[in-house]
Amino acid sequence: AQRVQSVTLNSPPLELRSTPSAAITVIMRDVFPPKAPTGLAAIPSAGSIDLSWEPNTEPDLSGYIVYRQPVSSAGAPIGAPTRLTPTPIPGPAFSDHTAQPGQTYSYRVTAIDTAHNESPTSNEAQETLRNQ
């Protein structure tokens, strides 16, 4: 940056300039998370609980993270949610093959972008794996 000032003294105008300031570096960072996934649904199948949701269409989407939390027989969550996917999964579907028969679970999904910003959680979907 440089300051420039015009001055007129009984002659043609003069332009006074300061010495240029030191250079600066501006780094642009993405700090905005993607939108939360919508339409989460859970369906029990043979040996797993299958999840699906509406795909996120943001161009910098990296994938989705699935969370699970056991639910008591009274319908209250038990403990803290557990992250089921160690890395983001690319598609809007997931099969939980670690669910225990007879146990009800609450599932939520988040979206994550290429800058590692994670969205708020989706709606909750609860399901119980049938006993074999």
N, C-alpha and C. Protein backbone atom coordinates (compact mmCIF):
# COMPACT_ATOMS: atom_id res chain seq x y z
N ALA A 1 0.85 -1.17 0.00
CA ALA A 1 0.00 0.00 0.00
C ALA A 1 0.90 1.23 0.00
N GLN A 2 0.32 2.29 -0.54
CA GLN A 2 1.08 3.53 -0.61
C GLN A 2 0.10 4.68 -0.48
N ARG A 3 0.47 5.70 0.28
CA ARG A 3 -0.38 6.87 0.42
C ARG A 3 0.00 7.87 -0.66
N VAL A 4 -1.04 8.40 -1.34
CA VAL A 4 -0.83 9.39 -2.39
C VAL A 4 -1.67 10.61 -2.05
N GLN A 5 -1.03 11.80 -2.14
CA GLN A 5 -1.75 13.04 -1.85
C GLN A 5 -1.39 14.07 -2.92
N SER A 6 -2.42 14.74 -3.44
CA SER A 6 -2.19 15.81 -4.42
C SER A 6 -2.16 17.14 -3.67
N VAL A 7 -1.16 18.00 -4.04
CA VAL A 7 -0.99 19.31 -3.42
C VAL A 7 -0.82 20.34 -4.53
N THR A 8 -1.51 21.49 -4.39
CA THR A 8 -1.37 22.56 -5.37
C THR A 8 -0.81 23.79 -4.67
N LEU A 9 0.34 24.31 -5.17
CA LEU A 9 1.00 25.49 -4.62
C LEU A 9 1.35 26.44 -5.76
N ASN A 10 0.53 27.34 -6.11
CA ASN A 10 0.79 28.33 -7.16
C ASN A 10 1.50 27.74 -8.37
N SER A 11 1.33 26.52 -8.61
CA SER A 11 1.95 25.88 -9.76
C SER A 11 1.13 24.65 -10.11
N PRO A 12 1.57 23.90 -11.07
CA PRO A 12 0.80 22.69 -11.36
C PRO A 12 0.74 21.79 -10.11
N PRO A 13 -0.31 20.99 -10.01
CA PRO A 13 -0.43 20.13 -8.82
C PRO A 13 0.75 19.17 -8.70
N LEU A 14 1.12 18.93 -7.45
CA LEU A 14 2.18 17.97 -7.15
C LEU A 14 1.54 16.72 -6.53
N GLU A 15 2.14 15.60 -6.80
CA GLU A 15 1.66 14.36 -6.21
C GLU A 15 2.73 13.86 -5.25
N LEU A 16 2.37 13.76 -3.97
CA LEU A 16 3.29 13.29 -2.96
C LEU A 16 2.96 11.82 -2.64
N ARG A 17 3.98 10.99 -2.63
CA ARG A 17 3.78 9.55 -2.38
C ARG A 17 4.64 9.11 -1.21
N SER A 18 4.05 8.28 -0.37
CA SER A 18 4.82 7.70 0.72
C SER A 18 5.60 6.50 0.19
N THR A 19 6.50 6.00 1.01
CA THR A 19 7.19 4.78 0.59
C THR A 19 6.20 3.62 0.69
N PRO A 20 6.32 2.64 -0.19
CA PRO A 20 5.40 1.50 -0.15
C PRO A 20 5.54 0.72 1.17
N SER A 21 4.43 0.23 1.64
CA SER A 21 4.46 -0.58 2.87
C SER A 21 5.05 -1.96 2.56
N ALA A 22 5.34 -2.66 3.59
CA ALA A 22 5.86 -4.02 3.41
C ALA A 22 4.78 -4.92 2.82
N ALA A 23 5.18 -5.90 2.06
CA ALA A 23 4.23 -6.84 1.46
C ALA A 23 3.60 -7.71 2.54
N ILE A 24 2.35 -8.07 2.32
CA ILE A 24 1.68 -8.99 3.23
C ILE A 24 1.16 -10.18 2.43
N THR A 25 0.95 -11.28 3.13
CA THR A 25 0.41 -12.48 2.50
C THR A 25 -0.97 -12.73 3.10
N VAL A 26 -1.94 -12.93 2.23
CA VAL A 26 -3.29 -13.23 2.67
C VAL A 26 -3.59 -14.67 2.29
N ILE A 27 -3.97 -15.47 3.29
CA ILE A 27 -4.29 -16.87 3.05
C ILE A 27 -5.80 -17.04 3.22
N MET A 28 -6.44 -17.51 2.16
CA MET A 28 -7.88 -17.73 2.21
C MET A 28 -8.13 -19.13 2.74
N ARG A 29 -8.99 -19.24 3.75
CA ARG A 29 -9.32 -20.54 4.32
C ARG A 29 -10.82 -20.74 4.28
N ASP A 30 -11.22 -21.95 3.99
CA ASP A 30 -12.63 -22.32 4.02
C ASP A 30 -12.96 -22.71 5.45
N VAL A 31 -13.82 -21.94 6.10
CA VAL A 31 -14.21 -22.24 7.47
C VAL A 31 -15.70 -22.54 7.58
N PHE A 32 -16.36 -22.66 6.43
CA PHE A 32 -17.80 -22.87 6.42
C PHE A 32 -18.12 -24.35 6.22
N PRO A 33 -18.83 -24.96 7.18
CA PRO A 33 -19.18 -26.38 7.03
C PRO A 33 -20.28 -26.57 5.99
N PRO A 34 -20.36 -27.78 5.45
CA PRO A 34 -21.46 -28.07 4.53
C PRO A 34 -22.78 -28.12 5.30
N LYS A 35 -23.87 -28.18 4.55
CA LYS A 35 -25.20 -28.31 5.17
C LYS A 35 -25.33 -29.71 5.77
N ALA A 36 -26.16 -29.80 6.80
CA ALA A 36 -26.41 -31.10 7.43
C ALA A 36 -27.18 -32.00 6.47
N PRO A 37 -26.85 -33.29 6.44
CA PRO A 37 -27.61 -34.21 5.61
C PRO A 37 -29.08 -34.25 6.06
N THR A 38 -29.97 -34.53 5.13
CA THR A 38 -31.40 -34.60 5.42
C THR A 38 -31.96 -35.95 4.99
N GLY A 39 -33.13 -36.26 5.51
CA GLY A 39 -33.85 -37.45 5.07
C GLY A 39 -33.26 -38.76 5.55
N LEU A 40 -32.57 -38.78 6.70
CA LEU A 40 -31.98 -40.02 7.19
C LEU A 40 -33.07 -41.03 7.52
N ALA A 41 -32.88 -42.26 7.02
CA ALA A 41 -33.80 -43.36 7.28
C ALA A 41 -32.99 -44.59 7.63
N ALA A 42 -33.53 -45.42 8.53
CA ALA A 42 -32.88 -46.66 8.95
C ALA A 42 -33.84 -47.82 8.74
N ILE A 43 -33.33 -48.91 8.17
CA ILE A 43 -34.14 -50.10 7.89
C ILE A 43 -33.36 -51.32 8.33
N PRO A 44 -33.99 -52.19 9.16
CA PRO A 44 -33.28 -53.42 9.55
C PRO A 44 -33.29 -54.42 8.40
N SER A 45 -32.20 -55.13 8.25
CA SER A 45 -32.14 -56.21 7.25
C SER A 45 -31.44 -57.40 7.91
N ALA A 46 -31.18 -58.43 7.17
CA ALA A 46 -30.55 -59.62 7.73
C ALA A 46 -29.12 -59.31 8.16
N GLY A 47 -28.89 -59.18 9.46
CA GLY A 47 -27.55 -58.99 9.99
C GLY A 47 -27.04 -57.57 10.01
N SER A 48 -27.84 -56.58 9.62
CA SER A 48 -27.36 -55.19 9.65
C SER A 48 -28.55 -54.24 9.73
N ILE A 49 -28.22 -52.98 10.03
CA ILE A 49 -29.19 -51.89 9.92
C ILE A 49 -28.68 -51.01 8.80
N ASP A 50 -29.51 -50.84 7.77
CA ASP A 50 -29.12 -50.08 6.59
C ASP A 50 -29.63 -48.64 6.70
N LEU A 51 -28.73 -47.70 6.45
CA LEU A 51 -29.04 -46.27 6.51
C LEU A 51 -28.97 -45.66 5.12
N SER A 52 -29.81 -44.69 4.87
CA SER A 52 -29.72 -43.90 3.64
C SER A 52 -30.20 -42.48 3.94
N TRP A 53 -29.75 -41.53 3.12
CA TRP A 53 -30.12 -40.13 3.30
C TRP A 53 -29.99 -39.43 1.97
N GLU A 54 -30.49 -38.21 1.90
CA GLU A 54 -30.41 -37.41 0.68
C GLU A 54 -28.96 -36.98 0.45
N PRO A 55 -28.46 -37.09 -0.79
CA PRO A 55 -27.07 -36.68 -1.04
C PRO A 55 -26.90 -35.16 -0.92
N ASN A 56 -25.76 -34.77 -0.41
CA ASN A 56 -25.38 -33.36 -0.32
C ASN A 56 -24.76 -32.98 -1.65
N THR A 57 -25.15 -31.86 -2.23
CA THR A 57 -24.69 -31.48 -3.58
C THR A 57 -23.63 -30.39 -3.57
N GLU A 58 -23.05 -30.09 -2.44
CA GLU A 58 -22.03 -29.05 -2.40
C GLU A 58 -20.76 -29.52 -3.11
N PRO A 59 -20.14 -28.67 -3.92
CA PRO A 59 -19.02 -29.11 -4.76
C PRO A 59 -17.76 -29.53 -3.99
N ASP A 60 -17.58 -29.06 -2.76
CA ASP A 60 -16.38 -29.43 -2.01
C ASP A 60 -16.64 -30.54 -0.99
N LEU A 61 -17.71 -31.30 -1.19
CA LEU A 61 -18.04 -32.39 -0.26
C LEU A 61 -16.99 -33.49 -0.34
N SER A 62 -16.50 -33.91 0.82
CA SER A 62 -15.54 -35.01 0.89
C SER A 62 -16.24 -36.33 1.19
N GLY A 63 -17.32 -36.29 1.97
CA GLY A 63 -18.07 -37.49 2.30
C GLY A 63 -18.93 -37.30 3.53
N TYR A 64 -19.28 -38.43 4.15
CA TYR A 64 -20.19 -38.43 5.29
C TYR A 64 -19.59 -39.23 6.44
N ILE A 65 -19.99 -38.85 7.65
CA ILE A 65 -19.57 -39.56 8.86
C ILE A 65 -20.84 -40.04 9.56
N VAL A 66 -20.85 -41.31 9.97
CA VAL A 66 -22.02 -41.92 10.60
C VAL A 66 -21.74 -42.10 12.09
N TYR A 67 -22.70 -41.70 12.92
CA TYR A 67 -22.62 -41.84 14.37
C TYR A 67 -23.76 -42.73 14.86
N ARG A 68 -23.47 -43.52 15.89
CA ARG A 68 -24.47 -44.41 16.47
C ARG A 68 -24.45 -44.27 17.98
N GLN A 69 -25.65 -44.38 18.59
CA GLN A 69 -25.77 -44.30 20.04
C GLN A 69 -26.82 -45.32 20.48
N PRO A 70 -26.50 -46.20 21.43
CA PRO A 70 -27.51 -47.13 21.92
C PRO A 70 -28.65 -46.38 22.60
N VAL A 71 -29.85 -46.97 22.55
CA VAL A 71 -31.03 -46.38 23.17
C VAL A 71 -31.59 -47.40 24.16
N SER A 72 -31.97 -46.93 25.36
CA SER A 72 -32.52 -47.82 26.38
C SER A 72 -33.94 -48.24 26.01
N SER A 73 -34.47 -49.22 26.73
CA SER A 73 -35.84 -49.68 26.48
C SER A 73 -36.85 -48.57 26.76
N ALA A 74 -36.47 -47.58 27.58
CA ALA A 74 -37.33 -46.44 27.87
C ALA A 74 -37.21 -45.35 26.80
N GLY A 75 -36.32 -45.55 25.81
CA GLY A 75 -36.16 -44.58 24.73
C GLY A 75 -35.12 -43.50 24.97
N ALA A 76 -34.35 -43.63 26.05
CA ALA A 76 -33.33 -42.62 26.36
C ALA A 76 -31.97 -43.05 25.79
N PRO A 77 -31.21 -42.10 25.25
CA PRO A 77 -29.87 -42.44 24.76
C PRO A 77 -28.98 -42.93 25.89
N ILE A 78 -28.10 -43.88 25.56
CA ILE A 78 -27.16 -44.43 26.53
C ILE A 78 -25.75 -44.02 26.10
N GLY A 79 -25.06 -43.29 26.97
CA GLY A 79 -23.68 -42.90 26.68
C GLY A 79 -23.58 -41.88 25.57
N ALA A 80 -22.35 -41.72 25.09
CA ALA A 80 -22.06 -40.75 24.03
C ALA A 80 -22.14 -41.43 22.66
N PRO A 81 -22.44 -40.68 21.62
CA PRO A 81 -22.45 -41.27 20.28
C PRO A 81 -21.06 -41.79 19.89
N THR A 82 -21.04 -42.88 19.13
CA THR A 82 -19.81 -43.48 18.64
C THR A 82 -19.71 -43.23 17.14
N ARG A 83 -18.54 -42.85 16.70
CA ARG A 83 -18.30 -42.65 15.26
C ARG A 83 -18.07 -44.03 14.63
N LEU A 84 -18.93 -44.40 13.68
CA LEU A 84 -18.82 -45.71 13.04
C LEU A 84 -17.90 -45.71 11.82
N THR A 85 -17.69 -44.57 11.21
CA THR A 85 -16.86 -44.50 10.01
C THR A 85 -15.59 -43.73 10.32
N PRO A 86 -14.43 -44.42 10.35
CA PRO A 86 -13.18 -43.74 10.71
C PRO A 86 -12.78 -42.66 9.70
N THR A 87 -13.13 -42.87 8.44
CA THR A 87 -12.89 -41.86 7.40
C THR A 87 -14.23 -41.58 6.72
N PRO A 88 -14.37 -40.41 6.09
CA PRO A 88 -15.64 -40.11 5.44
C PRO A 88 -15.96 -41.13 4.34
N ILE A 89 -17.23 -41.53 4.29
CA ILE A 89 -17.68 -42.44 3.24
C ILE A 89 -18.24 -41.61 2.09
N PRO A 90 -18.07 -42.05 0.84
CA PRO A 90 -18.43 -41.19 -0.29
C PRO A 90 -19.92 -41.10 -0.58
N GLY A 91 -20.67 -42.15 -0.34
CA GLY A 91 -22.07 -42.14 -0.77
C GLY A 91 -23.06 -41.93 0.35
N PRO A 92 -24.31 -41.63 0.01
CA PRO A 92 -25.34 -41.38 1.02
C PRO A 92 -26.01 -42.67 1.51
N ALA A 93 -25.22 -43.66 1.87
CA ALA A 93 -25.75 -44.93 2.39
C ALA A 93 -24.68 -45.62 3.21
N PHE A 94 -25.13 -46.41 4.20
CA PHE A 94 -24.21 -47.12 5.07
C PHE A 94 -24.94 -48.31 5.68
N SER A 95 -24.26 -49.43 5.84
CA SER A 95 -24.80 -50.61 6.50
C SER A 95 -24.02 -50.86 7.77
N ASP A 96 -24.73 -50.87 8.91
CA ASP A 96 -24.11 -51.12 10.20
C ASP A 96 -24.16 -52.62 10.48
N HIS A 97 -23.05 -53.30 10.22
CA HIS A 97 -22.94 -54.73 10.44
C HIS A 97 -22.50 -55.07 11.87
N THR A 98 -22.24 -54.04 12.70
CA THR A 98 -21.81 -54.27 14.07
C THR A 98 -22.95 -54.14 15.07
N ALA A 99 -24.15 -53.85 14.59
CA ALA A 99 -25.31 -53.73 15.49
C ALA A 99 -25.63 -55.08 16.12
N GLN A 100 -26.04 -55.04 17.37
CA GLN A 100 -26.37 -56.26 18.11
C GLN A 100 -27.87 -56.53 18.04
N PRO A 101 -28.26 -57.77 17.78
CA PRO A 101 -29.69 -58.11 17.70
C PRO A 101 -30.44 -57.74 18.99
N GLY A 102 -31.62 -57.18 18.83
CA GLY A 102 -32.46 -56.79 19.96
C GLY A 102 -32.14 -55.42 20.53
N GLN A 103 -31.05 -54.80 20.15
CA GLN A 103 -30.65 -53.49 20.66
C GLN A 103 -31.18 -52.40 19.73
N THR A 104 -31.75 -51.37 20.31
CA THR A 104 -32.20 -50.20 19.54
C THR A 104 -31.06 -49.19 19.50
N TYR A 105 -30.87 -48.61 18.33
CA TYR A 105 -29.81 -47.61 18.15
C TYR A 105 -30.39 -46.33 17.56
N SER A 106 -29.76 -45.22 17.91
CA SER A 106 -30.05 -43.92 17.31
C SER A 106 -28.89 -43.59 16.39
N TYR A 107 -29.20 -43.21 15.15
CA TYR A 107 -28.17 -42.87 14.17
C TYR A 107 -28.30 -41.41 13.77
N ARG A 108 -27.16 -40.80 13.50
CA ARG A 108 -27.08 -39.44 12.94
C ARG A 108 -25.92 -39.43 11.96
N VAL A 109 -26.00 -38.53 10.98
CA VAL A 109 -24.97 -38.43 9.95
C VAL A 109 -24.55 -36.97 9.82
N THR A 110 -23.27 -36.74 9.55
CA THR A 110 -22.78 -35.40 9.23
C THR A 110 -22.10 -35.44 7.87
N ALA A 111 -22.01 -34.28 7.24
CA ALA A 111 -21.26 -34.14 5.99
C ALA A 111 -19.94 -33.45 6.32
N ILE A 112 -18.91 -33.78 5.56
CA ILE A 112 -17.60 -33.16 5.79
C ILE A 112 -17.05 -32.73 4.43
N ASP A 113 -16.43 -31.54 4.41
CA ASP A 113 -15.92 -31.04 3.13
C ASP A 113 -14.41 -31.26 3.03
N THR A 114 -13.84 -30.86 1.90
CA THR A 114 -12.43 -31.10 1.64
C THR A 114 -11.50 -30.31 2.58
N ALA A 115 -12.03 -29.27 3.24
CA ALA A 115 -11.25 -28.51 4.22
C ALA A 115 -11.44 -29.06 5.63
N HIS A 116 -12.11 -30.22 5.76
CA HIS A 116 -12.35 -30.91 7.03
C HIS A 116 -13.35 -30.18 7.93
N ASN A 117 -14.21 -29.34 7.34
CA ASN A 117 -15.28 -28.71 8.11
C ASN A 117 -16.43 -29.72 8.19
N GLU A 118 -16.93 -29.96 9.39
CA GLU A 118 -18.00 -30.93 9.59
C GLU A 118 -19.32 -30.21 9.85
N SER A 119 -20.37 -30.70 9.19
CA SER A 119 -21.70 -30.09 9.31
C SER A 119 -22.34 -30.40 10.65
N PRO A 120 -23.44 -29.72 10.96
CA PRO A 120 -24.26 -30.17 12.09
C PRO A 120 -24.80 -31.57 11.77
N THR A 121 -25.32 -32.25 12.78
CA THR A 121 -25.83 -33.59 12.55
C THR A 121 -27.18 -33.57 11.85
N SER A 122 -27.46 -34.67 11.17
CA SER A 122 -28.74 -34.85 10.50
C SER A 122 -29.84 -35.08 11.53
N ASN A 123 -31.03 -35.31 11.01
CA ASN A 123 -32.11 -35.76 11.88
C ASN A 123 -31.71 -37.13 12.45
N GLU A 124 -32.40 -37.55 13.49
CA GLU A 124 -32.13 -38.84 14.11
C GLU A 124 -33.01 -39.91 13.48
N ALA A 125 -32.44 -41.09 13.34
CA ALA A 125 -33.21 -42.26 12.91
C ALA A 125 -32.93 -43.37 13.90
N GLN A 126 -33.98 -43.98 14.46
CA GLN A 126 -33.81 -45.08 15.41
C GLN A 126 -34.28 -46.38 14.77
N GLU A 127 -33.56 -47.46 15.09
CA GLU A 127 -33.95 -48.77 14.58
C GLU A 127 -33.39 -49.85 15.48
N THR A 128 -34.05 -51.00 15.47
CA THR A 128 -33.63 -52.17 16.25
C THR A 128 -33.32 -53.30 15.28
N LEU A 129 -32.17 -53.94 15.49
CA LEU A 129 -31.81 -55.10 14.66
C LEU A 129 -32.61 -56.29 15.16
N ARG A 130 -33.27 -56.95 14.25
CA ARG A 130 -34.10 -58.11 14.60
C ARG A 130 -33.22 -59.25 15.10
N ASN A 131 -33.79 -60.05 16.01
CA ASN A 131 -33.10 -61.26 16.46
C ASN A 131 -33.16 -62.28 15.33
N GLN A 132 -32.07 -62.99 15.11
CA GLN A 132 -32.02 -63.97 14.02
C GLN A 132 -32.71 -65.26 14.40
